[in-house]
Amino acid sequence: MAVGQLSRTVHAPAHPMATPGFGKRSAPDQNPRHQGDFVHLPRREAAIAQYIDRLPDGADISIKTLAREMADYGQCAIGTALNRLTDAGHLRRRRIGLMDDEGNVRHVTETHFSRTPRPAAWWHDVFTDSVPASGYDNPEPGETDSGGHEGRGFRALARLGRREPQLALSESECYALAETAGEWFRRGASETQLVYALTLLLPGRVTHPFGFVQSRLLAKLPPEIPATPLGVPMTECVGCGAAGRPEELPGGLCRPCRSTEPVRECGPSPEVVRGKAARIRREMEVRREERGGGPRRSRGRRRRR
């Protein structure tokens, strides 16, 4: 009885994470997750997109890993589906250079995923840092230019109370912390990152919002951006992996991949398989004759007496 009551559900291990610097990267300004996110996609592409969407940032979403973790699809199906997700605006790859402590540059391929489908122009703006990094779907006109980094810091702190009522600040308090918050934007952070750092794991009750926000702004200040540029980031074709500027890869695919149907042949053709089978049968007949057995008789014919 005890054995019969045991659950037969096998808990699958967690999805593997990629090497630091690789793996999934969530695109900014995505809509909240809901059940109909991928209803516009075919069934296979929708299933793979939903699986990737629920993975954390840094997860390994290479073709081999996805095929190993998703038993219903092979590498060819995964590769074709990723191409179609790119065409639908959910996926992009970018190749950038990272410099180590010794000054050597190594190239890393980033895979960006967006639950919300985006046009090619939007991805181009993201990769060229042309979109406001406010973290909101509808930023106010001109808010990234008005007042510089300090002005952006003031507006981010003024909106903080909408996201977390415990951290609501007065106008004078926002002005007092605007310079510190502006330093985040000067170092390349987005408002999403700033708000996330301020609101993560809040205590049960914040009795002094000004002091709490000031302490976190200083304690979690991101590092300085390296002064030496590492070159222009290159977008990578999802189909063949060729690198190019974002404007050269509309839809995330290079010209040869766009001109052909994104379907990969899996295994040899039927003609090749039939040819190999005929050759194997001939070799087996030759070996029987060499052993003295002669050609194999058909079972349907009887020997006459």
Protein backbone atom coordinates (compact mmCIF):
# COMPACT_ATOMS: atom_id res chain seq x y z
CA MET A 1 0.00 0.00 0.00
CA ALA A 2 2.80 2.39 0.84
CA VAL A 3 4.43 1.81 -2.52
CA GLY A 4 1.17 2.36 -4.37
CA GLN A 5 0.66 5.72 -2.74
CA LEU A 6 3.99 7.11 -3.91
CA SER A 7 3.83 9.76 -6.61
CA ARG A 8 5.06 8.67 -10.03
CA THR A 9 5.80 12.24 -11.13
CA VAL A 10 9.45 12.63 -12.10
CA HIS A 11 10.75 16.12 -11.43
CA ALA A 12 12.95 17.23 -14.31
CA PRO A 13 16.23 18.95 -13.43
CA ALA A 14 16.48 22.70 -13.84
CA HIS A 15 17.34 24.06 -17.26
CA PRO A 16 21.13 24.47 -17.58
CA MET A 17 22.66 27.92 -17.43
CA ALA A 18 25.09 29.22 -20.01
CA THR A 19 28.63 30.44 -19.45
CA PRO A 20 28.62 33.95 -17.93
CA GLY A 21 28.27 36.48 -20.73
CA PHE A 22 26.24 34.12 -22.91
CA GLY A 23 22.70 32.82 -22.60
CA LYS A 24 19.28 34.43 -22.70
CA ARG A 25 18.88 38.19 -22.28
CA SER A 26 15.40 39.63 -21.82
CA ALA A 27 14.60 42.62 -24.01
CA PRO A 28 13.43 45.83 -22.28
CA ASP A 29 9.88 47.21 -22.09
CA GLN A 30 8.01 43.91 -22.45
CA ASN A 31 4.31 43.61 -21.78
CA PRO A 32 3.22 41.61 -18.70
CA ARG A 33 3.01 37.86 -19.26
CA HIS A 34 -0.44 36.52 -20.15
CA GLN A 35 -1.87 33.36 -21.69
CA GLY A 36 -2.21 34.66 -25.25
CA ASP A 37 1.35 35.93 -25.74
CA PHE A 38 2.19 33.58 -28.63
CA VAL A 39 -1.20 32.74 -30.16
CA HIS A 40 -0.10 34.39 -33.42
CA LEU A 41 2.62 31.75 -33.90
CA PRO A 42 2.31 28.18 -35.22
CA ARG A 43 1.96 25.49 -32.58
CA ARG A 44 5.61 24.39 -32.55
CA GLU A 45 7.03 27.92 -32.53
CA ALA A 46 4.57 28.97 -29.82
CA ALA A 47 5.60 26.05 -27.58
CA ILE A 48 9.31 26.82 -27.96
CA ALA A 49 8.76 30.56 -27.45
CA GLN A 50 6.73 29.94 -24.29
CA TYR A 51 9.45 27.65 -22.96
CA ILE A 52 12.19 30.24 -23.60
CA ASP A 53 10.06 33.03 -22.16
CA ARG A 54 9.83 31.26 -18.78
CA LEU A 55 13.57 30.66 -18.53
CA PRO A 56 15.63 33.08 -16.42
CA ASP A 57 18.21 35.39 -17.90
CA GLY A 58 21.49 33.59 -18.48
CA ALA A 59 19.84 30.26 -19.37
CA ASP A 60 21.44 28.28 -22.18
CA ILE A 61 19.11 28.58 -25.20
CA SER A 62 21.41 27.16 -27.83
CA ILE A 63 19.93 24.75 -30.37
CA LYS A 64 21.60 21.66 -28.87
CA THR A 65 20.52 22.47 -25.32
CA LEU A 66 16.92 23.26 -26.28
CA ALA A 67 16.69 20.04 -28.29
CA ARG A 68 18.03 18.06 -25.33
CA GLU A 69 15.64 19.68 -22.83
CA MET A 70 12.56 19.63 -25.11
CA ALA A 71 12.18 15.97 -26.03
CA ASP A 72 9.40 16.64 -28.57
CA TYR A 73 11.69 18.51 -30.99
CA GLY A 74 15.05 17.76 -32.57
CA GLN A 75 17.85 20.14 -33.49
CA CYS A 76 16.50 20.74 -36.99
CA ALA A 77 13.06 21.65 -35.67
CA ILE A 78 14.53 23.92 -33.00
CA GLY A 79 16.76 25.69 -35.53
CA THR A 80 13.88 26.30 -37.92
CA ALA A 81 11.66 27.51 -35.09
CA LEU A 82 14.30 29.99 -33.88
CA ASN A 83 14.53 31.39 -37.40
CA ARG A 84 10.79 31.91 -37.49
CA LEU A 85 10.80 33.49 -34.03
CA THR A 86 13.38 35.91 -35.35
CA ASP A 87 11.20 36.70 -38.35
CA ALA A 88 8.25 37.27 -35.98
CA GLY A 89 10.24 39.77 -33.90
CA HIS A 90 10.79 37.71 -30.74
CA LEU A 91 14.49 36.86 -31.05
CA ARG A 92 17.74 38.57 -32.01
CA ARG A 93 21.44 37.78 -31.64
CA ARG A 94 24.24 40.30 -31.21
CA ARG A 95 28.02 39.86 -31.19
CA ILE A 96 30.02 42.18 -28.93
CA GLY A 97 33.63 42.39 -27.74
CA LEU A 98 34.61 42.03 -24.08
CA MET A 99 37.99 43.11 -22.76
CA ASP A 100 39.72 41.18 -19.99
CA ASP A 101 42.16 42.51 -17.40
CA GLU A 102 45.11 42.00 -19.77
CA GLY A 103 43.55 44.07 -22.56
CA ASN A 104 42.59 41.10 -24.75
CA VAL A 105 39.24 41.27 -26.52
CA ARG A 106 37.05 38.20 -26.98
CA HIS A 107 33.76 38.21 -28.88
CA VAL A 108 30.59 37.06 -27.16
CA THR A 109 27.25 36.30 -28.81
CA GLU A 110 24.25 37.64 -26.91
CA THR A 111 20.80 36.15 -27.53
CA HIS A 112 18.00 38.62 -26.80
CA PHE A 113 14.41 37.42 -26.39
CA SER A 114 11.25 39.53 -26.27
CA ARG A 115 7.89 38.20 -25.17
CA THR A 116 6.37 41.15 -27.03
CA PRO A 117 6.98 40.94 -30.81
CA ARG A 118 9.02 43.89 -32.05
CA PRO A 119 9.67 45.23 -35.57
CA ALA A 120 13.16 45.26 -37.03
CA ALA A 121 13.44 49.04 -36.51
CA TRP A 122 12.85 48.61 -32.77
CA TRP A 123 15.59 46.00 -32.46
CA HIS A 124 17.91 48.27 -34.46
CA ASP A 125 17.28 51.12 -32.02
CA VAL A 126 17.89 48.86 -29.03
CA PHE A 127 21.23 47.65 -30.34
CA THR A 128 22.34 51.16 -31.28
CA ASP A 129 21.17 52.67 -27.95
CA SER A 130 18.69 54.91 -29.74
CA VAL A 131 15.63 54.17 -27.57
CA PRO A 132 14.97 55.78 -24.18
CA ALA A 133 16.10 53.44 -21.42
CA SER A 134 13.29 54.53 -19.11
CA GLY A 135 11.85 51.05 -18.68
CA TYR A 136 8.33 52.26 -19.54
CA ASP A 137 6.29 51.56 -22.65
CA ASN A 138 5.28 55.21 -23.18
CA PRO A 139 8.03 57.56 -21.93
CA GLU A 140 7.25 61.22 -21.80
CA PRO A 141 8.36 63.19 -24.88
CA GLY A 142 11.87 64.56 -24.52
CA GLU A 143 12.38 63.19 -21.01
CA THR A 144 15.78 61.72 -21.86
CA ASP A 145 17.12 65.11 -22.96
CA SER A 146 15.45 67.53 -20.53
CA GLY A 147 17.67 68.21 -17.52
CA GLY A 148 20.32 65.66 -18.48
CA HIS A 149 21.07 62.75 -16.16
CA GLU A 150 20.02 64.70 -13.06
CA GLY A 151 16.63 65.47 -14.66
CA ARG A 152 16.13 61.79 -15.46
CA GLY A 153 17.05 60.95 -11.89
CA PHE A 154 14.44 63.36 -10.52
CA ARG A 155 11.70 61.94 -12.74
CA ALA A 156 12.63 58.34 -11.85
CA LEU A 157 12.44 59.12 -8.13
CA ALA A 158 9.17 60.99 -8.56
CA ARG A 159 7.64 57.91 -10.26
CA LEU A 160 9.05 55.55 -7.64
CA GLY A 161 6.02 55.99 -5.38
CA ARG A 162 3.73 54.66 -8.11
CA ARG A 163 5.64 51.39 -8.22
CA GLU A 164 6.20 51.06 -4.45
CA PRO A 165 4.06 53.24 -2.14
CA GLN A 166 6.44 52.67 0.79
CA LEU A 167 9.16 54.56 -1.10
CA ALA A 168 7.11 57.62 -2.06
CA LEU A 169 9.28 60.76 -1.82
CA SER A 170 8.39 64.42 -1.57
CA GLU A 171 9.43 66.95 -4.22
CA SER A 172 12.25 68.32 -2.08
CA GLU A 173 13.52 64.80 -1.37
CA CYS A 174 13.51 63.98 -5.09
CA TYR A 175 15.59 67.09 -5.78
CA ALA A 176 18.00 66.17 -2.99
CA LEU A 177 18.61 62.68 -4.44
CA ALA A 178 18.38 63.63 -8.15
CA GLU A 179 22.15 63.96 -8.56
CA THR A 180 22.81 60.55 -7.00
CA ALA A 181 20.13 58.90 -9.13
CA GLY A 182 21.44 60.72 -12.21
CA GLU A 183 24.81 59.08 -11.65
CA TRP A 184 23.13 55.74 -12.37
CA PHE A 185 22.07 56.98 -15.81
CA ARG A 186 25.49 58.49 -16.48
CA ARG A 187 26.96 55.04 -15.93
CA GLY A 188 24.59 53.45 -18.46
CA ALA A 189 21.87 52.04 -16.19
CA SER A 190 18.21 52.11 -17.18
CA GLU A 191 15.31 53.23 -15.03
CA THR A 192 14.15 49.62 -14.85
CA GLN A 193 17.47 48.65 -13.25
CA LEU A 194 17.31 51.57 -10.83
CA VAL A 195 13.74 50.82 -9.71
CA TYR A 196 14.50 47.11 -9.41
CA ALA A 197 17.52 47.80 -7.17
CA LEU A 198 15.50 50.12 -4.93
CA THR A 199 12.45 47.87 -4.54
CA LEU A 200 14.05 44.41 -4.32
CA LEU A 201 13.48 42.56 -1.02
CA LEU A 202 12.01 45.44 0.91
CA PRO A 203 11.59 45.06 4.67
CA GLY A 204 8.13 44.71 6.14
CA ARG A 205 7.89 48.42 6.81
CA VAL A 206 10.01 51.34 5.60
CA THR A 207 9.80 54.05 8.26
CA HIS A 208 12.18 56.54 6.61
CA PRO A 209 11.89 56.37 2.78
CA PHE A 210 14.42 59.14 2.10
CA GLY A 211 17.21 57.50 4.09
CA PHE A 212 16.37 54.04 2.72
CA VAL A 213 16.43 55.21 -0.94
CA GLN A 214 19.61 57.22 -0.41
CA SER A 215 21.36 54.24 1.18
CA ARG A 216 20.42 51.89 -1.64
CA LEU A 217 21.33 54.38 -4.37
CA LEU A 218 24.86 54.58 -2.96
CA ALA A 219 25.25 50.91 -2.00
CA LYS A 220 24.09 49.49 -5.36
CA LEU A 221 25.62 52.13 -7.65
CA PRO A 222 26.72 50.32 -10.86
CA PRO A 223 30.38 50.43 -11.91
CA GLU A 224 31.83 52.99 -14.28
CA ILE A 225 31.58 52.29 -18.02
CA PRO A 226 35.02 51.48 -19.51
CA ALA A 227 36.41 54.52 -21.27
CA THR A 228 37.98 52.49 -24.09
CA PRO A 229 35.38 51.56 -26.71
CA LEU A 230 35.43 47.93 -27.81
CA GLY A 231 34.13 48.53 -31.32
CA VAL A 232 30.67 48.62 -32.81
CA PRO A 233 28.38 45.77 -31.63
CA MET A 234 27.46 43.49 -34.51
CA THR A 235 24.16 41.70 -34.99
CA GLU A 236 24.45 37.97 -35.74
CA CYS A 237 22.28 36.15 -38.27
CA VAL A 238 20.14 33.56 -36.52
CA GLY A 239 20.22 31.32 -39.58
CA CYS A 240 23.94 31.00 -40.35
CA GLY A 241 25.65 33.04 -37.63
CA ALA A 242 27.16 35.62 -39.99
CA ALA A 243 27.92 38.95 -38.29
CA GLY A 244 26.86 42.32 -39.66
CA ARG A 245 25.52 45.71 -38.69
CA PRO A 246 21.87 45.79 -37.55
CA GLU A 247 20.76 47.59 -40.71
CA GLU A 248 22.38 44.84 -42.82
CA LEU A 249 20.32 42.09 -41.15
CA PRO A 250 16.66 43.15 -41.33
CA GLY A 251 14.54 40.65 -39.48
CA GLY A 252 17.67 39.13 -37.92
CA LEU A 253 18.57 37.22 -41.11
CA CYS A 254 21.24 37.89 -43.72
CA ARG A 255 20.39 38.13 -47.42
CA PRO A 256 21.17 34.46 -48.31
CA CYS A 257 19.05 33.21 -45.40
CA ARG A 258 16.19 35.53 -46.34
CA SER A 259 16.24 34.38 -49.95
CA THR A 260 15.78 30.70 -49.09
CA GLU A 261 13.11 28.86 -47.16
CA PRO A 262 14.30 28.50 -43.54
CA VAL A 263 13.94 24.72 -43.49
CA ARG A 264 16.96 22.54 -42.88
CA GLU A 265 17.29 19.09 -44.39
CA CYS A 266 17.65 16.45 -41.68
CA GLY A 267 19.63 13.38 -42.72
CA PRO A 268 20.24 11.93 -46.21
CA SER A 269 17.67 11.99 -48.98
CA PRO A 270 15.44 8.94 -49.70
CA GLU A 271 17.45 8.15 -52.86
CA VAL A 272 20.68 7.95 -50.84
CA VAL A 273 19.05 5.68 -48.25
CA ARG A 274 17.73 3.29 -50.92
CA GLY A 275 21.13 3.19 -52.60
CA LYS A 276 22.90 2.33 -49.35
CA ALA A 277 20.36 -0.40 -48.60
CA ALA A 278 20.86 -1.98 -52.06
CA ARG A 279 24.65 -1.92 -51.63
CA ILE A 280 24.39 -3.63 -48.24
CA ARG A 281 22.18 -6.38 -49.71
CA ARG A 282 24.68 -6.99 -52.53
CA GLU A 283 27.57 -7.23 -50.06
CA MET A 284 25.63 -9.75 -47.97
CA GLU A 285 24.97 -11.94 -51.05
CA VAL A 286 28.67 -11.85 -51.99
CA ARG A 287 29.69 -12.94 -48.50
CA ARG A 288 27.25 -15.90 -48.55
CA GLU A 289 28.66 -17.09 -51.87
CA GLU A 290 32.21 -16.83 -50.55
CA ARG A 291 31.29 -19.04 -47.59
CA GLY A 292 29.97 -21.69 -50.04
CA GLY A 293 26.35 -21.26 -49.28
CA GLY A 294 25.47 -20.06 -52.75
CA PRO A 295 22.77 -17.57 -53.47
CA ARG A 296 19.88 -17.58 -51.05
CA ARG A 297 16.82 -19.44 -52.32
CA SER A 298 13.42 -17.86 -52.21
CA ARG A 299 11.08 -19.33 -49.59
CA GLY A 300 8.18 -19.27 -52.03
CA ARG A 301 9.70 -21.88 -54.43
CA ARG A 302 10.02 -25.62 -53.66
CA ARG A 303 12.71 -27.88 -55.06
CA ARG A 304 11.41 -30.44 -57.54
CA ARG A 305 12.14 -34.11 -56.90
